[in-house]
Structures are given as C-alpha cells and as structure tokens.
Amino acid sequence: MSVHIQAKKDEIAENVLLPGDPLRAKWIAENFFENAVCYNEVRGMLGFTGTYKGEKISVQATGMGIPSALIYCTELITEYGAKKLIRVGSAGSYQKDLKVNEVVLAMAASSNSGFNKAKFQHADFAPTVDFELFMNAVKFAKNNGIKFRAGNVLSSDVFYEENDMTYEKWAEYGVLCVEMETAGLYSVAAKHKVQALSVLTVSDSLVTGEHLPAKDREQSFSRMVEIALGSI
C-alpha cells in the first residue's frame, strides 16, 4: 500500500491504463475488462484490475495536470512494479486539419510546466514516447482501420488561457494538440526505465471552436482505449 493507492502489491498489473477522470477509469473497467475489481478509492481516484483477452491489466485515474499524474505514475512504478503505462485522455486540437473525434499518438511532449527545468538546471529535457509501444499502437490502428495522427503535443499547466490565441505559436511549430499530463508521464517513465505511451482523443478544437458532443464521445473514446490495449 502506497501513500495514495490502497492496493496490495499483487493487486495492480504491470500494464496500466491512465485516464485522468476517475469515472472514465470505471467506464473502461466495466466495458473492456473481465472480472474487474476496484482496488483504490483513496481521494476518489478509482483504480481497477481485471483481465483483457486473458491478460491481467489495470486502469488507474490520475487526476488533472502533471503534478497529480506524477504522484500516481511514480507510485505505480516504484511501489507496484508497473512496466507499461498508457495515458488515455482528451485533447484540444491546435491544427485546422485535426478534427474532433480523431486520435493522436504523442511522439513527444512539449510543456510550459517548469517541473523538468527544475531538475535539469533550466535546460530543456525532451520527453518522448517508448518506441516499441508507439509502433505497436501504429500497427494496431492501421490493421483495424482507425485513423490517427502522430506527432508533438503540448502538456500545459494552464486550462483557462488568458489569451485565446496563445496556441498559435505552438501550432506554427507543428504541435498537434494540447493536454495536461503526457510530458510528466514520459519523463517519469524515462527516469525509471519503463515504457510509456499517450493516446489522445480530440474532444475540441481551439482553431474552429468545434466540440465533440457528449453522445459521440463514447465511441471515439472506445477507439482510443482499443489502441491502448492493442499496443500492449
């Protein structure tokens, strides 16, 4: 049992999906796992373990933002032996041709957070995806006819920007979308030499203002989870 996760050592699998939303963790467990058991309710951050196609797998909510995600990722790795950690979450598009409902595989994660600058004495560490997991995800998506984009994403500490056009500089340099956790996940995975991947669904566009209707989200999130599961 760790500080923020009440599970016993053998109750969490080596392969863990990481949604931010606790209710999304519950939804994943109910819709994709067999014999799912809830192992964590501390602070409402639900965690479940079950099986998928006969393999033991877990899903753990991480909350919003890098600081929250790092708590759960660190404890999963150091206290429970997690080896493959896959974020499944939503993102806002920075590119006009990246539409809502599309899936993004994060190859690298830029960030406006200072958490890595503090570690590297204000130098820039560039956190990247695990190549094997990334290629597995690409292969699964192509084999199953799932459209996706791959590239750089922005992990932002700010949800409500004071300047609505802040995204334009990131977009100019090819950043596909914005979310809030991937840079933290990729960095902690690099430190502990484990595998990490971030699979994102575009839920809105900062370019066009388009939003994915609630009724359409389940299907699009299902594709994201299918890719995540297929990559491991």
Protein backbone atom coordinates (compact mmCIF):
# COMPACT_ATOMS: atom_id res chain seq x y z
CA MET A 1 0.00 0.00 0.00
CA SER A 2 1.40 3.40 -1.02
CA VAL A 3 0.50 6.87 0.20
CA HIS A 4 -2.21 7.48 -2.42
CA ILE A 5 -3.09 3.96 -3.58
CA GLN A 6 -4.56 1.45 -1.15
CA ALA A 7 -3.88 -1.69 -3.20
CA LYS A 8 -1.74 -4.58 -2.07
CA LYS A 9 1.41 -5.37 -4.07
CA ASP A 10 -0.14 -8.05 -6.28
CA GLU A 11 -3.42 -6.23 -6.95
CA ILE A 12 -2.06 -4.00 -9.74
CA ALA A 13 -0.88 -5.33 -13.10
CA GLU A 14 2.37 -4.44 -14.85
CA ASN A 15 0.27 -2.91 -17.66
CA VAL A 16 -1.75 0.13 -16.58
CA LEU A 17 -4.07 2.47 -18.46
CA LEU A 18 -4.12 6.04 -17.13
CA PRO A 19 -7.20 8.20 -17.70
CA GLY A 20 -7.39 11.46 -15.81
CA ASP A 21 -11.07 11.10 -14.90
CA PRO A 22 -11.95 8.52 -12.19
CA LEU A 23 -15.32 7.87 -13.83
CA ARG A 24 -13.56 7.14 -17.11
CA ALA A 25 -11.44 4.59 -15.27
CA LYS A 26 -14.65 2.96 -14.04
CA TRP A 27 -16.11 3.06 -17.57
CA ILE A 28 -13.03 1.38 -19.03
CA ALA A 29 -13.09 -1.35 -16.39
CA GLU A 30 -16.79 -2.01 -16.96
CA ASN A 31 -16.63 -2.02 -20.75
CA PHE A 32 -13.28 -3.63 -21.55
CA PHE A 33 -12.19 -5.76 -18.57
CA GLU A 34 -13.40 -9.13 -17.38
CA ASN A 35 -13.77 -9.75 -13.65
CA ALA A 36 -12.79 -6.18 -12.79
CA VAL A 37 -12.15 -5.44 -9.11
CA CYS A 38 -11.79 -1.97 -7.60
CA TYR A 39 -8.51 -1.73 -5.66
CA ASN A 40 -8.45 2.00 -4.92
CA GLU A 41 -10.87 4.68 -3.74
CA VAL A 42 -8.44 6.99 -1.93
CA ARG A 43 -9.30 10.64 -2.74
CA GLY A 44 -11.84 9.32 -5.24
CA MET A 45 -9.06 8.27 -7.65
CA LEU A 46 -10.58 4.98 -8.70
CA GLY A 47 -8.38 2.07 -9.76
CA PHE A 48 -9.42 -1.32 -11.12
CA THR A 49 -7.72 -4.55 -12.12
CA GLY A 50 -9.20 -7.21 -14.38
CA THR A 51 -8.27 -9.19 -17.46
CA TYR A 52 -8.35 -8.33 -21.15
CA LYS A 53 -8.09 -11.24 -23.58
CA GLY A 54 -6.76 -13.33 -20.72
CA GLU A 55 -4.05 -10.85 -19.67
CA LYS A 56 -4.04 -9.07 -16.33
CA ILE A 57 -4.43 -5.31 -16.72
CA SER A 58 -5.19 -2.31 -14.53
CA VAL A 59 -6.65 1.14 -15.01
CA GLN A 60 -5.82 3.97 -12.60
CA ALA A 61 -7.20 7.52 -12.62
CA THR A 62 -4.52 10.20 -12.24
CA GLY A 63 -6.46 13.45 -11.93
CA MET A 64 -5.72 16.56 -13.98
CA GLY A 65 -2.29 18.04 -14.57
CA ILE A 66 1.32 16.91 -14.33
CA PRO A 67 1.69 17.17 -10.51
CA SER A 68 -1.29 14.89 -9.90
CA ALA A 69 -0.33 12.45 -12.66
CA LEU A 70 3.24 12.21 -11.37
CA ILE A 71 2.03 11.12 -7.93
CA TYR A 72 0.16 8.13 -9.33
CA CYS A 73 2.69 7.23 -12.03
CA THR A 74 5.57 7.31 -9.56
CA GLU A 75 3.76 5.14 -7.03
CA LEU A 76 2.60 2.69 -9.70
CA ILE A 77 6.20 2.27 -10.88
CA THR A 78 8.13 2.32 -7.61
CA GLU A 79 5.62 0.65 -5.28
CA TYR A 80 3.68 -1.68 -7.59
CA GLY A 81 6.13 -2.57 -10.36
CA ALA A 82 4.23 -1.10 -13.31
CA LYS A 83 6.17 -1.61 -16.55
CA LYS A 84 3.89 -0.22 -19.26
CA LEU A 85 1.88 2.94 -18.58
CA ILE A 86 -0.51 4.27 -21.21
CA ARG A 87 -2.35 7.55 -20.86
CA VAL A 88 -5.81 7.63 -22.43
CA GLY A 89 -7.31 11.09 -22.39
CA SER A 90 -8.79 14.02 -24.26
CA ALA A 91 -7.04 16.89 -26.01
CA GLY A 92 -7.73 20.18 -27.76
CA SER A 93 -6.63 20.48 -31.39
CA TYR A 94 -4.11 23.14 -32.42
CA GLN A 95 -4.27 22.32 -36.14
CA LYS A 96 -7.10 23.20 -38.54
CA ASP A 97 -6.95 19.79 -40.22
CA LEU A 98 -7.02 17.85 -36.93
CA LYS A 99 -10.71 17.39 -36.27
CA VAL A 100 -12.70 16.41 -33.20
CA ASN A 101 -13.09 12.67 -32.78
CA GLU A 102 -9.62 11.96 -34.22
CA VAL A 103 -6.97 10.03 -32.31
CA VAL A 104 -3.47 11.38 -31.63
CA LEU A 105 -0.43 9.29 -30.69
CA ALA A 106 2.01 11.52 -28.81
CA MET A 107 5.55 11.01 -30.11
CA ALA A 108 6.94 13.77 -27.89
CA ALA A 109 5.57 16.22 -25.35
CA SER A 110 6.43 19.90 -25.17
CA SER A 111 5.37 21.69 -22.00
CA ASN A 112 5.01 25.09 -20.38
CA SER A 113 5.50 23.44 -16.99
CA GLY A 114 8.67 24.08 -15.01
CA PHE A 115 8.95 20.60 -13.47
CA ASN A 116 11.75 19.42 -15.76
CA LYS A 117 13.58 22.74 -15.84
CA ALA A 118 13.98 22.47 -12.06
CA LYS A 119 15.61 19.05 -12.49
CA PHE A 120 17.89 19.97 -15.39
CA GLN A 121 19.05 23.39 -14.15
CA HIS A 122 16.86 25.28 -16.63
CA ALA A 123 17.97 23.21 -19.63
CA ASP A 124 15.31 21.61 -21.83
CA PHE A 125 14.73 17.87 -21.48
CA ALA A 126 12.64 16.49 -24.35
CA PRO A 127 10.42 13.62 -23.11
CA THR A 128 9.47 11.13 -25.82
CA VAL A 129 7.31 8.06 -26.28
CA ASP A 130 8.59 4.49 -25.91
CA PHE A 131 9.34 3.35 -29.47
CA GLU A 132 8.06 -0.22 -29.07
CA LEU A 133 4.71 0.84 -27.61
CA PHE A 134 4.38 3.55 -30.23
CA MET A 135 4.99 1.17 -33.12
CA ASN A 136 2.59 -1.37 -31.62
CA ALA A 137 -0.08 1.33 -31.44
CA VAL A 138 0.57 2.42 -35.03
CA LYS A 139 0.34 -1.17 -36.26
CA PHE A 140 -2.88 -1.85 -34.34
CA ALA A 141 -4.54 1.33 -35.59
CA LYS A 142 -3.59 0.66 -39.22
CA ASN A 143 -4.65 -3.00 -39.06
CA ASN A 144 -8.03 -2.02 -37.63
CA GLY A 145 -8.71 0.94 -39.91
CA ILE A 146 -8.51 3.55 -37.15
CA LYS A 147 -7.49 6.97 -38.39
CA PHE A 148 -4.83 8.67 -36.28
CA ARG A 149 -2.21 11.42 -36.25
CA ALA A 150 1.21 11.18 -34.63
CA GLY A 151 3.48 13.99 -33.50
CA ASN A 152 4.32 16.51 -30.82
CA VAL A 153 1.74 17.53 -28.21
CA LEU A 154 1.74 20.25 -25.57
CA SER A 155 1.30 19.36 -21.91
CA SER A 156 0.05 22.60 -20.38
CA ASP A 157 -0.24 23.66 -16.76
CA VAL A 158 -2.99 26.10 -17.80
CA PHE A 159 -6.52 25.07 -18.75
CA TYR A 160 -8.07 28.54 -18.99
CA GLU A 161 -5.70 30.69 -21.04
CA GLU A 162 -6.00 34.46 -20.63
CA ASN A 163 -5.04 34.86 -24.29
CA ASP A 164 -7.15 32.66 -26.57
CA MET A 165 -4.52 32.92 -29.33
CA THR A 166 -1.65 31.51 -27.25
CA TYR A 167 -1.91 28.28 -29.20
CA GLU A 168 -0.77 29.88 -32.46
CA LYS A 169 2.98 29.76 -31.72
CA TRP A 170 2.80 26.09 -30.77
CA ALA A 171 0.73 25.37 -33.87
CA GLU A 172 3.28 27.19 -36.04
CA TYR A 173 5.91 24.69 -34.87
CA GLY A 174 3.72 21.70 -35.66
CA VAL A 175 2.34 20.86 -32.22
CA LEU A 176 -0.84 18.90 -32.84
CA CYS A 177 -2.86 19.44 -29.69
CA VAL A 178 -2.87 20.39 -26.03
CA GLU A 179 -3.50 18.25 -22.94
CA MET A 180 -2.13 18.27 -19.40
CA GLU A 181 -0.20 15.12 -18.45
CA THR A 182 1.92 13.47 -21.18
CA ALA A 183 5.19 15.32 -20.55
CA GLY A 184 5.09 14.23 -16.92
CA LEU A 185 4.33 10.61 -17.83
CA TYR A 186 7.10 10.39 -20.42
CA SER A 187 9.61 11.99 -18.07
CA VAL A 188 8.95 9.73 -15.08
CA ALA A 189 8.97 6.69 -17.39
CA ALA A 190 12.37 7.73 -18.76
CA LYS A 191 13.78 8.15 -15.27
CA HIS A 192 12.64 4.71 -14.13
CA LYS A 193 13.33 2.98 -17.48
CA VAL A 194 9.79 1.77 -18.06
CA GLN A 195 7.59 2.10 -21.16
CA ALA A 196 5.04 4.87 -21.68
CA LEU A 197 2.62 5.93 -24.38
CA SER A 198 -0.06 8.61 -24.62
CA VAL A 199 -3.14 8.00 -26.78
CA LEU A 200 -5.44 11.00 -27.03
CA THR A 201 -8.87 11.75 -28.46
CA VAL A 202 -9.51 15.25 -29.80
CA SER A 203 -12.58 16.49 -27.94
CA ASP A 204 -12.49 20.11 -29.12
CA SER A 205 -10.65 22.46 -31.45
CA LEU A 206 -9.02 25.72 -30.38
CA VAL A 207 -8.87 26.68 -34.05
CA THR A 208 -12.51 26.23 -35.08
CA GLY A 209 -14.25 26.17 -31.70
CA GLU A 210 -15.83 22.82 -32.52
CA HIS A 211 -16.69 20.49 -29.62
CA LEU A 212 -17.35 16.78 -29.63
CA PRO A 213 -20.96 16.22 -28.47
CA ALA A 214 -21.32 14.15 -25.33
CA LYS A 215 -23.32 11.48 -27.17
CA ASP A 216 -20.45 10.91 -29.62
CA ARG A 217 -17.69 10.67 -27.03
CA GLU A 218 -18.18 7.06 -26.00
CA GLN A 219 -17.49 5.71 -29.50
CA SER A 220 -14.43 7.88 -30.04
CA PHE A 221 -13.02 7.12 -26.58
CA SER A 222 -13.57 3.43 -27.29
CA ARG A 223 -11.23 3.63 -30.28
CA MET A 224 -8.60 5.29 -28.12
CA VAL A 225 -8.83 2.57 -25.47
CA GLU A 226 -8.74 -0.15 -28.13
CA ILE A 227 -5.46 1.25 -29.47
CA ALA A 228 -4.03 1.46 -25.96
CA LEU A 229 -4.95 -2.14 -25.22
CA GLY A 230 -3.77 -3.26 -28.63
CA SER A 231 -0.34 -1.70 -28.07
CA ILE A 232 0.38 -3.98 -25.09
